[in-house]
C-alpha atoms as a PDB file:
ATOM      1  CA  MET A   1       0.121  -0.027  -0.164  1.00  0.00           C
ATOM      2  CA  ALA A   2       1.385   3.700  -1.160  1.00  0.00           C
ATOM      3  CA  LYS A   3       3.063   5.438   2.067  1.00  0.00           C
ATOM      4  CA  GLN A   4      -0.069   8.266   1.396  1.00  0.00           C
ATOM      5  CA  ALA A   5      -2.602   6.390   2.261  1.00  0.00           C
ATOM      6  CA  ARG A   6      -4.621   9.292   4.458  1.00  0.00           C
ATOM      7  CA  PHE A   7      -4.597   8.395   8.454  1.00  0.00           C
ATOM      8  CA  LEU A   8      -5.332  10.155  11.255  1.00  0.00           C
ATOM      9  CA  CYS A   9      -3.637   9.182  15.176  1.00  0.00           C
ATOM     10  CA  ILE A  10      -6.348   9.489  17.647  1.00  0.00           C
ATOM     11  CA  GLY A  11      -4.028  11.891  20.459  1.00  0.00           C
ATOM     12  CA  GLY A  12      -0.878  10.605  18.509  1.00  0.00           C
ATOM     13  CA  PHE A  13       0.982  11.611  15.089  1.00  0.00           C
ATOM     14  CA  LEU A  14       0.904   9.024  11.834  1.00  0.00           C
ATOM     15  CA  ASN A  15       1.443  10.802   8.405  1.00  0.00           C
ATOM     16  CA  GLY A  16       2.662  13.879  10.232  1.00  0.00           C
ATOM     17  CA  SER A  17      -1.456  13.896  11.786  1.00  0.00           C
ATOM     18  CA  ALA A  18      -3.221  14.271  14.901  1.00  0.00           C
ATOM     19  CA  VAL A  19      -6.508  15.033  15.670  1.00  0.00           C
ATOM     20  CA  LYS A  20      -8.979  14.761  18.367  1.00  0.00           C
ATOM     21  CA  ASP A  21     -11.428  12.485  19.019  1.00  0.00           C
ATOM     22  CA  GLN A  22     -14.337  13.004  16.385  1.00  0.00           C
ATOM     23  CA  GLY A  23     -16.171  10.509  17.060  1.00  0.00           C
ATOM     24  CA  ASP A  24     -17.127   7.585  15.118  1.00  0.00           C
ATOM     25  CA  SER A  25     -16.379   9.813  11.629  1.00  0.00           C
ATOM     26  CA  PHE A  26     -16.128  12.524  10.601  1.00  0.00           C
ATOM     27  CA  GLU A  27     -16.734  15.077   6.883  1.00  0.00           C
ATOM     28  CA  CYS A  28     -13.773  17.409   5.665  1.00  0.00           C
ATOM     29  CA  ILE A  29     -13.527  18.177   2.040  1.00  0.00           C
ATOM     30  CA  GLU A  30     -10.955  17.288  -0.112  1.00  0.00           C
ATOM     31  CA  GLN A  31     -10.129  18.843  -3.786  1.00  0.00           C
ATOM     32  CA  SER A  32     -13.247  19.573  -3.456  1.00  0.00           C
ATOM     33  CA  LYS A  33     -14.966  17.136  -2.802  1.00  0.00           C
ATOM     34  CA  LYS A  34     -16.609  15.746   0.773  1.00  0.00           C
ATOM     35  CA  VAL A  35     -14.749  12.644   2.169  1.00  0.00           C
ATOM     36  CA  THR A  36     -15.364  10.534   5.295  1.00  0.00           C
ATOM     37  CA  TYR A  37     -12.945   9.333   7.602  1.00  0.00           C
ATOM     38  CA  ARG A  38     -13.871   6.722   9.646  1.00  0.00           C
ATOM     39  CA  LYS A  39     -13.111   5.831  13.308  1.00  0.00           C
ATOM     40  CA  LEU A  40     -11.286   2.146  13.246  1.00  0.00           C
ATOM     41  CA  GLU A  41      -9.054   0.563  15.909  1.00  0.00           C
ATOM     42  CA  ILE A  42      -6.054  -1.361  15.218  1.00  0.00           C
ATOM     43  CA  PHE A  43      -4.778  -3.843  18.043  1.00  0.00           C
ATOM     44  CA  HIS A  44      -0.671  -4.747  17.803  1.00  0.00           C
ATOM     45  CA  PRO A  45       0.011  -7.478  19.614  1.00  0.00           C
ATOM     46  CA  ASP A  46       3.735  -6.465  20.895  1.00  0.00           C
ATOM     47  CA  LEU A  47       3.042  -2.635  20.919  1.00  0.00           C
ATOM     48  CA  TRP A  48       0.152  -1.059  20.852  1.00  0.00           C
ATOM     49  CA  ASP A  49      -3.262  -0.691  20.193  1.00  0.00           C
ATOM     50  CA  ASP A  50      -4.848   2.521  18.909  1.00  0.00           C
ATOM     51  CA  TYR A  51      -7.548   4.265  17.100  1.00  0.00           C
ATOM     52  CA  TYR A  52      -7.541   6.092  13.830  1.00  0.00           C
ATOM     53  CA  TYR A  53      -9.194   7.730  11.264  1.00  0.00           C
ATOM     54  CA  VAL A  54      -9.133   6.219   7.762  1.00  0.00           C
ATOM     55  CA  CYS A  55     -10.586   7.503   4.848  1.00  0.00           C
ATOM     56  CA  GLU A  56     -13.570   6.209   3.519  1.00  0.00           C
ATOM     57  CA  THR A  57     -11.703   4.184   0.325  1.00  0.00           C
ATOM     58  CA  THR A  58      -9.056   2.583   2.466  1.00  0.00           C
ATOM     59  CA  THR A  59     -10.081  -1.332   3.727  1.00  0.00           C
ATOM     60  CA  ASP A  60      -9.795  -2.329   7.206  1.00  0.00           C
ATOM     61  CA  LYS A  61      -7.028  -4.783   5.871  1.00  0.00           C
ATOM     62  CA  GLN A  62      -5.128  -2.128   4.416  1.00  0.00           C
ATOM     63  CA  ALA A  63      -4.907   0.126   7.012  1.00  0.00           C
ATOM     64  CA  GLN A  64      -3.800  -3.251   9.415  1.00  0.00           C
ATOM     65  CA  ASN A  65      -1.398  -3.397   6.537  1.00  0.00           C
ATOM     66  CA  TRP A  66      -0.500  -0.432   7.190  1.00  0.00           C
ATOM     67  CA  VAL A  67       0.063   0.220  10.825  1.00  0.00           C
ATOM     68  CA  TYR A  68       2.103  -3.234  11.066  1.00  0.00           C
ATOM     69  CA  ASP A  69       4.321  -1.733   8.129  1.00  0.00           C
ATOM     70  CA  ILE A  70       2.952  -4.805   6.141  1.00  0.00           C
ATOM     71  CA  ASP A  71       3.712  -4.492   2.293  1.00  0.00           C
ATOM     72  CA  SER A  72       0.843  -5.307   0.190  1.00  0.00           C
ATOM     73  CA  ASN A  73       1.922  -5.723  -3.148  1.00  0.00           C
END
């Protein structure tokens, strides 16, 4: 998965962005289009579990692979 995947880490930093908890989802405007980010909890058995907001076009599996740094190609 491309490193440009859109993730926002709640209370921490991922892709240089951190946000406060916005509930289950929130909408924003990107390039004149409405985009929804949804809340997703990702567990990492060796390190952490945390909540992230992931772009509506990102699957749960893609998000987990990105957090685990697994190349999906």
